[in-house]
């Protein structure tokens, strides 16, 4: 499960939600379907990579969240990714929380 491939990322994502045994079964099932399609149609497997998988997963998640928000009557607008929450006179943010949000913003910038 340390593979830097799309299937490895899939297994890690399932493992975080459902546990290792289920993730291993889901990964084996995905591999079996890939091998079956390769044998049936005679096409080579093209590895997309972990980053491509994660990008598609993020896009799919965002689409689903936006659709769900519309169904519930909300309007979703994207925020600037480099926006940083700062302390304001109107809203008192505890220093620990402000430091944590700054650390999270820095991590999000690095991940992007």
PDB file of N, CA and C in Angstrom:
ATOM      1  N   UNK A   1       0.804  -1.189   0.000  1.00  0.00           N
ATOM      2  CA  UNK A   1       0.000   0.000   0.000  1.00  0.00           C
ATOM      3  C   UNK A   1       0.855   1.264   0.000  1.00  0.00           C
ATOM      4  N   UNK A   2       2.149   1.112  -0.214  1.00  0.00           N
ATOM      5  CA  UNK A   2       3.019   2.281  -0.272  1.00  0.00           C
ATOM      6  C   UNK A   2       3.319   2.670  -1.719  1.00  0.00           C
ATOM      7  N   UNK A   3       2.639   2.039  -2.644  1.00  0.00           N
ATOM      8  CA  UNK A   3       2.839   2.303  -4.054  1.00  0.00           C
ATOM      9  C   UNK A   3       2.412   3.725  -4.400  1.00  0.00           C
ATOM     10  N   UNK A   4       3.200   4.399  -5.230  1.00  0.00           N
ATOM     11  CA  UNK A   4       2.895   5.772  -5.652  1.00  0.00           C
ATOM     12  C   UNK A   4       2.119   5.758  -6.970  1.00  0.00           C
ATOM     13  N   UNK A   5       1.150   4.862  -7.065  1.00  0.00           N
ATOM     14  CA  UNK A   5       0.346   4.739  -8.268  1.00  0.00           C
ATOM     15  C   UNK A   5      -1.100   5.112  -7.958  1.00  0.00           C
ATOM     16  N   UNK A   6      -1.916   5.169  -8.990  1.00  0.00           N
ATOM     17  CA  UNK A   6      -3.330   5.479  -8.809  1.00  0.00           C
ATOM     18  C   UNK A   6      -4.014   4.391  -7.975  1.00  0.00           C
ATOM     19  N   UNK A   7      -3.654   3.146  -8.208  1.00  0.00           N
ATOM     20  CA  UNK A   7      -4.268   2.052  -7.447  1.00  0.00           C
ATOM     21  C   UNK A   7      -3.837   2.117  -5.987  1.00  0.00           C
ATOM     22  N   UNK A   8      -2.568   2.458  -5.746  1.00  0.00           N
ATOM     23  CA  UNK A   8      -2.095   2.632  -4.373  1.00  0.00           C
ATOM     24  C   UNK A   8      -2.844   3.748  -3.659  1.00  0.00           C
ATOM     25  N   UNK A   9      -3.073   4.860  -4.349  1.00  0.00           N
ATOM     26  CA  UNK A   9      -3.823   5.978  -3.763  1.00  0.00           C
ATOM     27  C   UNK A   9      -5.269   5.558  -3.490  1.00  0.00           C
ATOM     28  N   UNK A  10      -5.855   4.794  -4.404  1.00  0.00           N
ATOM     29  CA  UNK A  10      -7.216   4.290  -4.210  1.00  0.00           C
ATOM     30  C   UNK A  10      -7.286   3.425  -2.957  1.00  0.00           C
ATOM     31  N   UNK A  11      -6.334   2.513  -2.814  1.00  0.00           N
ATOM     32  CA  UNK A  11      -6.319   1.612  -1.654  1.00  0.00           C
ATOM     33  C   UNK A  11      -6.149   2.412  -0.364  1.00  0.00           C
ATOM     34  N   UNK A  12      -5.252   3.396  -0.356  1.00  0.00           N
ATOM     35  CA  UNK A  12      -5.062   4.210   0.851  1.00  0.00           C
ATOM     36  C   UNK A  12      -6.328   4.983   1.208  1.00  0.00           C
ATOM     37  N   UNK A  13      -7.033   5.499   0.195  1.00  0.00           N
ATOM     38  CA  UNK A  13      -8.265   6.249   0.447  1.00  0.00           C
ATOM     39  C   UNK A  13      -9.331   5.338   1.054  1.00  0.00           C
ATOM     40  N   UNK A  14      -9.479   4.135   0.511  1.00  0.00           N
ATOM     41  CA  UNK A  14     -10.460   3.186   1.037  1.00  0.00           C
ATOM     42  C   UNK A  14     -10.049   2.726   2.436  1.00  0.00           C
ATOM     43  N   UNK A  15      -8.750   2.508   2.640  1.00  0.00           N
ATOM     44  CA  UNK A  15      -8.264   2.057   3.943  1.00  0.00           C
ATOM     45  C   UNK A  15      -8.589   3.061   5.037  1.00  0.00           C
ATOM     46  N   UNK A  16      -8.479   4.356   4.728  1.00  0.00           N
ATOM     47  CA  UNK A  16      -8.749   5.375   5.741  1.00  0.00           C
ATOM     48  C   UNK A  16     -10.227   5.376   6.152  1.00  0.00           C
ATOM     49  N   UNK A  17     -11.109   5.005   5.232  1.00  0.00           N
ATOM     50  CA  UNK A  17     -12.538   5.001   5.535  1.00  0.00           C
ATOM     51  C   UNK A  17     -13.039   3.674   6.089  1.00  0.00           C
ATOM     52  N   UNK A  18     -12.581   2.556   5.504  1.00  0.00           N
ATOM     53  CA  UNK A  18     -13.195   1.263   5.793  1.00  0.00           C
ATOM     54  C   UNK A  18     -12.269   0.245   6.435  1.00  0.00           C
ATOM     55  N   UNK A  19     -10.987   0.559   6.533  1.00  0.00           N
ATOM     56  CA  UNK A  19     -10.054  -0.381   7.140  1.00  0.00           C
ATOM     57  C   UNK A  19      -9.240  -1.156   6.116  1.00  0.00           C
ATOM     58  N   UNK A  20      -8.155  -1.769   6.603  1.00  0.00           N
ATOM     59  CA  UNK A  20      -7.203  -2.449   5.731  1.00  0.00           C
ATOM     60  C   UNK A  20      -7.792  -3.661   4.996  1.00  0.00           C
ATOM     61  N   UNK A  21      -8.511  -4.575   5.679  1.00  0.00           N
ATOM     62  CA  UNK A  21      -9.009  -5.750   4.951  1.00  0.00           C
ATOM     63  C   UNK A  21      -9.924  -5.390   3.771  1.00  0.00           C
ATOM     64  N   UNK A  22     -10.819  -4.446   3.986  1.00  0.00           N
ATOM     65  CA  UNK A  22     -11.728  -4.029   2.912  1.00  0.00           C
ATOM     66  C   UNK A  22     -10.962  -3.342   1.793  1.00  0.00           C
ATOM     67  N   UNK A  23      -9.965  -2.536   2.160  1.00  0.00           N
ATOM     68  CA  UNK A  23      -9.167  -1.837   1.159  1.00  0.00           C
ATOM     69  C   UNK A  23      -8.384  -2.819   0.296  1.00  0.00           C
ATOM     70  N   UNK A  24      -7.850  -3.847   0.909  1.00  0.00           N
ATOM     71  CA  UNK A  24      -7.090  -4.859   0.159  1.00  0.00           C
ATOM     72  C   UNK A  24      -8.023  -5.577  -0.822  1.00  0.00           C
ATOM     73  N   UNK A  25      -9.230  -5.937  -0.348  1.00  0.00           N
ATOM     74  CA  UNK A  25     -10.204  -6.577  -1.245  1.00  0.00           C
ATOM     75  C   UNK A  25     -10.602  -5.652  -2.384  1.00  0.00           C
ATOM     76  N   UNK A  26     -10.834  -4.380  -2.082  1.00  0.00           N
ATOM     77  CA  UNK A  26     -11.232  -3.418  -3.120  1.00  0.00           C
ATOM     78  C   UNK A  26     -10.102  -3.240  -4.135  1.00  0.00           C
ATOM     79  N   UNK A  27      -8.857  -3.177  -3.653  1.00  0.00           N
ATOM     80  CA  UNK A  27      -7.710  -3.052  -4.561  1.00  0.00           C
ATOM     81  C   UNK A  27      -7.546  -4.280  -5.431  1.00  0.00           C
ATOM     82  N   UNK A  28      -7.721  -5.458  -4.842  1.00  0.00           N
ATOM     83  CA  UNK A  28      -7.614  -6.706  -5.613  1.00  0.00           C
ATOM     84  C   UNK A  28      -8.725  -6.774  -6.660  1.00  0.00           C
ATOM     85  N   UNK A  29      -9.916  -6.339  -6.290  1.00  0.00           N
ATOM     86  CA  UNK A  29     -11.042  -6.334  -7.229  1.00  0.00           C
ATOM     87  C   UNK A  29     -10.767  -5.381  -8.385  1.00  0.00           C
ATOM     88  N   UNK A  30     -10.211  -4.215  -8.072  1.00  0.00           N
ATOM     89  CA  UNK A  30      -9.880  -3.237  -9.113  1.00  0.00           C
ATOM     90  C   UNK A  30      -8.814  -3.807 -10.057  1.00  0.00           C
ATOM     91  N   UNK A  31      -7.790  -4.454  -9.492  1.00  0.00           N
ATOM     92  CA  UNK A  31      -6.754  -5.073 -10.321  1.00  0.00           C
ATOM     93  C   UNK A  31      -7.332  -6.187 -11.195  1.00  0.00           C
ATOM     94  N   UNK A  32      -8.221  -6.992 -10.625  1.00  0.00           N
ATOM     95  CA  UNK A  32      -8.830  -8.083 -11.392  1.00  0.00           C
ATOM     96  C   UNK A  32      -9.632  -7.529 -12.567  1.00  0.00           C
ATOM     97  N   UNK A  33     -10.367  -6.447 -12.354  1.00  0.00           N
ATOM     98  CA  UNK A  33     -11.130  -5.835 -13.446  1.00  0.00           C
ATOM     99  C   UNK A  33     -10.194  -5.287 -14.516  1.00  0.00           C
ATOM    100  N   UNK A  34      -9.074  -4.683 -14.095  1.00  0.00           N
ATOM    101  CA  UNK A  34      -8.101  -4.165 -15.068  1.00  0.00           C
ATOM    102  C   UNK A  34      -7.516  -5.290 -15.918  1.00  0.00           C
ATOM    103  N   UNK A  35      -7.116  -6.378 -15.258  1.00  0.00           N
ATOM    104  CA  UNK A  35      -6.532  -7.513 -15.988  1.00  0.00           C
ATOM    105  C   UNK A  35      -7.559  -8.120 -16.936  1.00  0.00           C
ATOM    106  N   UNK A  36      -8.794  -8.266 -16.481  1.00  0.00           N
ATOM    107  CA  UNK A  36      -9.847  -8.812 -17.331  1.00  0.00           C
ATOM    108  C   UNK A  36     -10.023  -7.965 -18.588  1.00  0.00           C
ATOM    109  N   UNK A  37     -10.094  -6.646 -18.423  1.00  0.00           N
ATOM    110  CA  UNK A  37     -10.284  -5.763 -19.579  1.00  0.00           C
ATOM    111  C   UNK A  37      -9.058  -5.788 -20.502  1.00  0.00           C
ATOM    112  N   UNK A  38      -7.867  -5.921 -19.914  1.00  0.00           N
ATOM    113  CA  UNK A  38      -6.665  -6.017 -20.752  1.00  0.00           C
ATOM    114  C   UNK A  38      -6.711  -7.281 -21.589  1.00  0.00           C
ATOM    115  N   UNK A  39      -7.100  -8.401 -20.973  1.00  0.00           N
ATOM    116  CA  UNK A  39      -7.154  -9.666 -21.699  1.00  0.00           C
ATOM    117  C   UNK A  39      -8.301  -9.684 -22.706  1.00  0.00           C
ATOM    118  N   UNK A  40      -9.435  -9.161 -22.335  1.00  0.00           N
ATOM    119  CA  UNK A  40     -10.607  -9.202 -23.208  1.00  0.00           C
ATOM    120  C   UNK A  40     -10.425  -8.318 -24.437  1.00  0.00           C
ATOM    121  N   UNK A  41      -9.917  -7.102 -24.237  1.00  0.00           N
ATOM    122  CA  UNK A  41      -9.814  -6.150 -25.341  1.00  0.00           C
ATOM    123  C   UNK A  41      -8.402  -6.023 -25.910  1.00  0.00           C
ATOM    124  N   UNK A  42      -7.418  -6.682 -25.285  1.00  0.00           N
ATOM    125  CA  UNK A  42      -6.062  -6.679 -25.807  1.00  0.00           C
ATOM    126  C   UNK A  42      -5.359  -5.333 -25.743  1.00  0.00           C
ATOM    127  N   UNK A  43      -5.747  -4.497 -24.809  1.00  0.00           N
ATOM    128  CA  UNK A  43      -5.120  -3.178 -24.691  1.00  0.00           C
ATOM    129  C   UNK A  43      -4.161  -3.159 -23.517  1.00  0.00           C
ATOM    130  N   UNK A  44      -3.110  -2.353 -23.641  1.00  0.00           N
ATOM    131  CA  UNK A  44      -2.119  -2.238 -22.582  1.00  0.00           C
ATOM    132  C   UNK A  44      -2.635  -1.338 -21.467  1.00  0.00           C
ATOM    133  N   UNK A  45      -2.188  -1.617 -20.255  1.00  0.00           N
ATOM    134  CA  UNK A  45      -2.549  -0.797 -19.101  1.00  0.00           C
ATOM    135  C   UNK A  45      -1.684   0.450 -19.098  1.00  0.00           C
ATOM    136  N   UNK A  46      -2.300   1.602 -18.938  1.00  0.00           N
ATOM    137  CA  UNK A  46      -1.572   2.866 -18.892  1.00  0.00           C
ATOM    138  C   UNK A  46      -1.701   3.415 -17.485  1.00  0.00           C
ATOM    139  N   UNK A  47      -0.593   3.494 -16.776  1.00  0.00           N
ATOM    140  CA  UNK A  47      -0.589   3.995 -15.401  1.00  0.00           C
ATOM    141  C   UNK A  47      -0.723   5.511 -15.411  1.00  0.00           C
ATOM    142  N   UNK A  48      -1.749   6.011 -14.725  1.00  0.00           N
ATOM    143  CA  UNK A  48      -1.960   7.458 -14.681  1.00  0.00           C
ATOM    144  C   UNK A  48      -1.175   8.126 -13.570  1.00  0.00           C
ATOM    145  N   UNK A  49      -0.845   7.404 -12.544  1.00  0.00           N
ATOM    146  CA  UNK A  49      -0.061   7.965 -11.454  1.00  0.00           C
ATOM    147  C   UNK A  49      -0.928   8.468 -10.314  1.00  0.00           C
ATOM    148  N   UNK A  50      -0.303   8.577  -9.156  1.00  0.00           N
ATOM    149  CA  UNK A  50      -0.988   8.969  -7.936  1.00  0.00           C
ATOM    150  C   UNK A  50      -1.523  10.396  -8.021  1.00  0.00           C
ATOM    151  N   UNK A  51      -0.733  11.311  -8.550  1.00  0.00           N
ATOM    152  CA  UNK A  51      -1.159  12.710  -8.580  1.00  0.00           C
ATOM    153  C   UNK A  51      -2.349  12.911  -9.516  1.00  0.00           C
ATOM    154  N   UNK A  52      -2.361  12.232 -10.638  1.00  0.00           N
ATOM    155  CA  UNK A  52      -3.489  12.337 -11.556  1.00  0.00           C
ATOM    156  C   UNK A  52      -4.752  11.778 -10.909  1.00  0.00           C
ATOM    157  N   UNK A  53      -4.614  10.650 -10.195  1.00  0.00           N
ATOM    158  CA  UNK A  53      -5.754  10.057  -9.498  1.00  0.00           C
ATOM    159  C   UNK A  53      -6.298  11.017  -8.446  1.00  0.00           C
ATOM    160  N   UNK A  54      -5.395  11.592  -7.646  1.00  0.00           N
ATOM    161  CA  UNK A  54      -5.826  12.504  -6.587  1.00  0.00           C
ATOM    162  C   UNK A  54      -6.474  13.761  -7.155  1.00  0.00           C
ATOM    163  N   UNK A  55      -5.973  14.247  -8.304  1.00  0.00           N
ATOM    164  CA  UNK A  55      -6.563  15.419  -8.946  1.00  0.00           C
ATOM    165  C   UNK A  55      -7.988  15.110  -9.402  1.00  0.00           C
ATOM    166  N   UNK A  56      -8.172  13.950 -10.060  1.00  0.00           N
ATOM    167  CA  UNK A  56      -9.507  13.557 -10.507  1.00  0.00           C
ATOM    168  C   UNK A  56     -10.446  13.339  -9.326  1.00  0.00           C
ATOM    169  N   UNK A  57      -9.924  12.742  -8.245  1.00  0.00           N
ATOM    170  CA  UNK A  57     -10.740  12.504  -7.059  1.00  0.00           C
ATOM    171  C   UNK A  57     -11.187  13.825  -6.442  1.00  0.00           C
ATOM    172  N   UNK A  58     -10.274  14.793  -6.372  1.00  0.00           N
ATOM    173  CA  UNK A  58     -10.608  16.109  -5.816  1.00  0.00           C
ATOM    174  C   UNK A  58     -11.664  16.802  -6.675  1.00  0.00           C
ATOM    175  N   UNK A  59     -11.499  16.755  -7.998  1.00  0.00           N
ATOM    176  CA  UNK A  59     -12.479  17.376  -8.898  1.00  0.00           C
ATOM    177  C   UNK A  59     -13.853  16.723  -8.750  1.00  0.00           C
ATOM    178  N   UNK A  60     -13.875  15.390  -8.665  1.00  0.00           N
ATOM    179  CA  UNK A  60     -15.136  14.668  -8.514  1.00  0.00           C
ATOM    180  C   UNK A  60     -15.799  15.008  -7.178  1.00  0.00           C
ATOM    181  N   UNK A  61     -15.000  15.097  -6.119  1.00  0.00           N
ATOM    182  CA  UNK A  61     -15.530  15.447  -4.804  1.00  0.00           C
ATOM    183  C   UNK A  61     -16.110  16.849  -4.812  1.00  0.00           C
ATOM    184  N   UNK A  62     -15.407  17.801  -5.423  1.00  0.00           N
ATOM    185  CA  UNK A  62     -15.907  19.172  -5.496  1.00  0.00           C
ATOM    186  C   UNK A  62     -17.214  19.247  -6.288  1.00  0.00           C
ATOM    187  N   UNK A  63     -17.276  18.538  -7.415  1.00  0.00           N
ATOM    188  CA  UNK A  63     -18.504  18.513  -8.211  1.00  0.00           C
ATOM    189  C   UNK A  63     -19.671  17.961  -7.405  1.00  0.00           C
ATOM    190  N   UNK A  64     -19.421  16.871  -6.686  1.00  0.00           N
ATOM    191  CA  UNK A  64     -20.486  16.260  -5.891  1.00  0.00           C
ATOM    192  C   UNK A  64     -20.932  17.177  -4.757  1.00  0.00           C
ATOM    193  N   UNK A  65     -19.979  17.852  -4.108  1.00  0.00           N
ATOM    194  CA  UNK A  65     -20.337  18.781  -3.034  1.00  0.00           C
ATOM    195  C   UNK A  65     -21.135  19.959  -3.567  1.00  0.00           C
ATOM    196  N   UNK A  66     -20.741  20.480  -4.718  1.00  0.00           N
ATOM    197  CA  UNK A  66     -21.475  21.599  -5.311  1.00  0.00           C
ATOM    198  C   UNK A  66     -22.887  21.172  -5.702  1.00  0.00           C
ATOM    199  N   UNK A  67     -23.022  20.003  -6.274  1.00  0.00           N
ATOM    200  CA  UNK A  67     -24.343  19.495  -6.645  1.00  0.00           C
ATOM    201  C   UNK A  67     -25.205  19.316  -5.404  1.00  0.00           C
ATOM    202  N   UNK A  68     -24.633  18.740  -4.364  1.00  0.00           N
ATOM    203  CA  UNK A  68     -25.377  18.515  -3.121  1.00  0.00           C
ATOM    204  C   UNK A  68     -25.789  19.842  -2.482  1.00  0.00           C
ATOM    205  N   UNK A  69     -24.903  20.838  -2.509  1.00  0.00           N
ATOM    206  CA  UNK A  69     -25.230  22.151  -1.961  1.00  0.00           C
ATOM    207  C   UNK A  69     -26.381  22.788  -2.741  1.00  0.00           C
ATOM    208  N   UNK A  70     -26.353  22.676  -4.077  1.00  0.00           N
ATOM    209  CA  UNK A  70     -27.452  23.208  -4.892  1.00  0.00           C
ATOM    210  C   UNK A  70     -28.769  22.525  -4.545  1.00  0.00           C
ATOM    211  N   UNK A  71     -28.725  21.201  -4.351  1.00  0.00           N
ATOM    212  CA  UNK A  71     -29.930  20.459  -3.997  1.00  0.00           C
ATOM    213  C   UNK A  71     -30.501  20.931  -2.665  1.00  0.00           C
ATOM    214  N   UNK A  72     -29.628  21.352  -1.757  1.00  0.00           N
ATOM    215  CA  UNK A  72     -30.066  21.825  -0.446  1.00  0.00           C
ATOM    216  C   UNK A  72     -30.376  23.314  -0.441  1.00  0.00           C
ATOM    217  N   UNK A  73     -30.213  23.982  -1.589  1.00  0.00           N
ATOM    218  CA  UNK A  73     -30.566  25.385  -1.700  1.00  0.00           C
ATOM    219  C   UNK A  73     -29.454  26.358  -1.372  1.00  0.00           C
ATOM    220  N   UNK A  74     -28.210  25.905  -1.380  1.00  0.00           N
ATOM    221  CA  UNK A  74     -27.082  26.776  -1.092  1.00  0.00           C
ATOM    222  C   UNK A  74     -26.382  27.174  -2.380  1.00  0.00           C
ATOM    223  N   UNK A  75     -25.741  28.329  -2.359  1.00  0.00           N
ATOM    224  CA  UNK A  75     -24.937  28.794  -3.476  1.00  0.00           C
ATOM    225  C   UNK A  75     -23.476  28.716  -3.042  1.00  0.00           C
ATOM    226  N   UNK A  76     -22.669  27.965  -3.770  1.00  0.00           N
ATOM    227  CA  UNK A  76     -21.272  27.754  -3.401  1.00  0.00           C
ATOM    228  C   UNK A  76     -20.391  28.619  -4.288  1.00  0.00           C
ATOM    229  N   UNK A  77     -19.507  29.394  -3.655  1.00  0.00           N
ATOM    230  CA  UNK A  77     -18.540  30.198  -4.401  1.00  0.00           C
ATOM    231  C   UNK A  77     -17.147  29.819  -3.927  1.00  0.00           C
ATOM    232  N   UNK A  78     -16.219  29.592  -4.855  1.00  0.00           N
ATOM    233  CA  UNK A  78     -14.864  29.206  -4.451  1.00  0.00           C
ATOM    234  C   UNK A  78     -14.134  30.359  -3.771  1.00  0.00           C
ATOM    235  N   UNK A  79     -13.292  30.002  -2.813  1.00  0.00           N
ATOM    236  CA  UNK A  79     -12.467  30.984  -2.115  1.00  0.00           C
ATOM    237  C   UNK A  79     -11.094  31.011  -2.757  1.00  0.00           C
ATOM    238  N   UNK A  80     -10.388  32.113  -2.600  1.00  0.00           N
ATOM    239  CA  UNK A  80      -9.012  32.193  -3.088  1.00  0.00           C
ATOM    240  C   UNK A  80      -8.167  31.223  -2.280  1.00  0.00           C
ATOM    241  N   UNK A  81      -7.345  30.450  -2.952  1.00  0.00           N
ATOM    242  CA  UNK A  81      -6.570  29.417  -2.257  1.00  0.00           C
ATOM    243  C   UNK A  81      -5.466  30.000  -1.385  1.00  0.00           C
ATOM    244  N   UNK A  82      -5.028  31.229  -1.665  1.00  0.00           N
ATOM    245  CA  UNK A  82      -3.953  31.818  -0.869  1.00  0.00           C
ATOM    246  C   UNK A  82      -4.482  32.719   0.237  1.00  0.00           C
ATOM    247  N   UNK A  83      -5.815  32.800   0.367  1.00  0.00           N
ATOM    248  CA  UNK A  83      -6.390  33.641   1.422  1.00  0.00           C
ATOM    249  C   UNK A  83      -6.001  33.075   2.779  1.00  0.00           C
ATOM    250  N   UNK A  84      -5.650  33.959   3.670  1.00  0.00           N
ATOM    251  CA  UNK A  84      -5.206  33.575   4.997  1.00  0.00           C
ATOM    252  C   UNK A  84      -6.107  34.242   6.011  1.00  0.00           C
ATOM    253  N   UNK A  85      -6.604  33.471   6.948  1.00  0.00           N
ATOM    254  CA  UNK A  85      -7.460  34.028   7.986  1.00  0.00           C
ATOM    255  C   UNK A  85      -6.583  34.840   8.932  1.00  0.00           C
ATOM    256  N   UNK A  86      -6.948  36.105   9.129  1.00  0.00           N
ATOM    257  CA  UNK A  86      -6.175  36.957  10.023  1.00  0.00           C
ATOM    258  C   UNK A  86      -7.046  37.446  11.148  1.00  0.00           C
ATOM    259  N   UNK A  87      -6.447  37.949  12.166  1.00  0.00           N
ATOM    260  CA  UNK A  87      -7.165  38.456  13.317  1.00  0.00           C
ATOM    261  C   UNK A  87      -7.838  39.777  12.955  1.00  0.00           C
ATOM    262  N   UNK A  88      -9.083  39.901  13.322  1.00  0.00           N
ATOM    263  CA  UNK A  88      -9.861  41.091  13.015  1.00  0.00           C
ATOM    264  C   UNK A  88     -10.339  41.716  14.316  1.00  0.00           C
ATOM    265  N   UNK A  89     -10.597  43.029  14.302  1.00  0.00           N
ATOM    266  CA  UNK A  89     -11.097  43.713  15.498  1.00  0.00           C
ATOM    267  C   UNK A  89     -12.513  43.266  15.817  1.00  0.00           C
ATOM    268  N   UNK A  90     -13.281  42.916  14.781  1.00  0.00           N
ATOM    269  CA  UNK A  90     -14.668  42.520  14.991  1.00  0.00           C
ATOM    270  C   UNK A  90     -14.779  41.103  15.544  1.00  0.00           C
ATOM    271  N   UNK A  91     -13.850  40.235  15.176  1.00  0.00           N
ATOM    272  CA  UNK A  91     -13.894  38.844  15.617  1.00  0.00           C
ATOM    273  C   UNK A  91     -12.602  38.536  16.352  1.00  0.00           C
ATOM    274  N   UNK A  92     -12.718  38.168  17.591  1.00  0.00           N
ATOM    275  CA  UNK A  92     -11.536  37.815  18.380  1.00  0.00           C
ATOM    276  C   UNK A  92     -11.230  36.343  18.167  1.00  0.00           C
ATOM    277  N   UNK A  93     -10.069  36.049  17.604  1.00  0.00           N
ATOM    278  CA  UNK A  93      -9.639  34.683  17.353  1.00  0.00           C
ATOM    279  C   UNK A  93      -8.563  34.344  18.378  1.00  0.00           C
ATOM    280  N   UNK A  94      -8.751  33.263  19.128  1.00  0.00           N
ATOM    281  CA  UNK A  94      -7.715  32.887  20.095  1.00  0.00           C
ATOM    282  C   UNK A  94      -6.374  32.675  19.402  1.00  0.00           C
ATOM    283  N   UNK A  95      -5.260  33.068  20.032  1.00  0.00           N
ATOM    284  CA  UNK A  95      -3.938  32.943  19.395  1.00  0.00           C
ATOM    285  C   UNK A  95      -3.615  31.533  18.928  1.00  0.00           C
ATOM    286  N   UNK A  96      -4.000  30.507  19.707  1.00  0.00           N
ATOM    287  CA  UNK A  96      -3.722  29.127  19.298  1.00  0.00           C
ATOM    288  C   UNK A  96      -4.454  28.796  17.994  1.00  0.00           C
ATOM    289  N   UNK A  97      -5.717  29.223  17.897  1.00  0.00           N
ATOM    290  CA  UNK A  97      -6.512  28.952  16.701  1.00  0.00           C
ATOM    291  C   UNK A  97      -5.955  29.694  15.491  1.00  0.00           C
ATOM    292  N   UNK A  98      -5.528  30.935  15.706  1.00  0.00           N
ATOM    293  CA  UNK A  98      -4.958  31.707  14.601  1.00  0.00           C
ATOM    294  C   UNK A  98      -3.673  31.056  14.101  1.00  0.00           C
ATOM    295  N   UNK A  99      -2.814  30.608  15.021  1.00  0.00           N
ATOM    296  CA  UNK A  99      -1.569  29.941  14.619  1.00  0.00           C
ATOM    297  C   UNK A  99      -1.872  28.648  13.875  1.00  0.00           C
ATOM    298  N   UNK A 100      -2.877  27.904  14.342  1.00  0.00           N
ATOM    299  CA  UNK A 100      -3.242  26.649  13.687  1.00  0.00           C
ATOM    300  C   UNK A 100      -3.768  26.919  12.275  1.00  0.00           C
ATOM    301  N   UNK A 101      -4.576  27.974  12.109  1.00  0.00           N
ATOM    302  CA  UNK A 101      -5.098  28.271  10.775  1.00  0.00           C
ATOM    303  C   UNK A 101      -3.988  28.728   9.842  1.00  0.00           C
ATOM    304  N   UNK A 102      -2.990  29.452  10.360  1.00  0.00           N
ATOM    305  CA  UNK A 102      -1.861  29.864   9.532  1.00  0.00           C
ATOM    306  C   UNK A 102      -1.031  28.657   9.118  1.00  0.00           C
ATOM    307  N   UNK A 103      -0.816  27.719  10.055  1.00  0.00           N
ATOM    308  CA  UNK A 103      -0.078  26.497   9.725  1.00  0.00           C
ATOM    309  C   UNK A 103      -0.824  25.711   8.659  1.00  0.00           C
ATOM    310  N   UNK A 104      -2.145  25.611   8.796  1.00  0.00           N
ATOM    311  CA  UNK A 104      -2.955  24.869   7.827  1.00  0.00           C
ATOM    312  C   UNK A 104      -2.895  25.554   6.468  1.00  0.00           C
ATOM    313  N   UNK A 105      -2.949  26.873   6.430  1.00  0.00           N
ATOM    314  CA  UNK A 105      -2.874  27.597   5.160  1.00  0.00           C
ATOM    315  C   UNK A 105      -1.539  27.361   4.489  1.00  0.00           C
ATOM    316  N   UNK A 106      -0.475  27.317   5.269  1.00  0.00           N
ATOM    317  CA  UNK A 106       0.858  27.073   4.697  1.00  0.00           C
ATOM    318  C   UNK A 106       0.906  25.669   4.123  1.00  0.00           C
ATOM    319  N   UNK A 107       0.349  24.670   4.850  1.00  0.00           N
ATOM    320  CA  UNK A 107       0.331  23.292   4.342  1.00  0.00           C
ATOM    321  C   UNK A 107      -0.500  23.207   3.073  1.00  0.00           C
ATOM    322  N   UNK A 108      -1.638  23.900   3.033  1.00  0.00           N
ATOM    323  CA  UNK A 108      -2.483  23.875   1.838  1.00  0.00           C
ATOM    324  C   UNK A 108      -1.761  24.491   0.652  1.00  0.00           C
ATOM    325  N   UNK A 109      -0.977  25.544   0.883  1.00  0.00           N
ATOM    326  CA  UNK A 109      -0.228  26.176  -0.207  1.00  0.00           C
ATOM    327  C   UNK A 109       0.817  25.210  -0.738  1.00  0.00           C
ATOM    328  N   UNK A 110       1.480  24.465   0.160  1.00  0.00           N
ATOM    329  CA  UNK A 110       2.497  23.512  -0.262  1.00  0.00           C
ATOM    330  C   UNK A 110       1.871  22.371  -1.052  1.00  0.00           C
ATOM    331  N   UNK A 111       0.674  21.921  -0.653  1.00  0.00           N
ATOM    332  CA  UNK A 111      -0.006  20.800  -1.317  1.00  0.00           C
ATOM    333  C   UNK A 111      -0.488  21.191  -2.709  1.00  0.00           C
ATOM    334  N   UNK A 112      -0.797  22.451  -2.921  1.00  0.00           N
ATOM    335  CA  UNK A 112      -1.350  22.888  -4.222  1.00  0.00           C
ATOM    336  C   UNK A 112      -0.331  22.896  -5.309  1.00  0.00           C
TER     337      UNK A 112
END
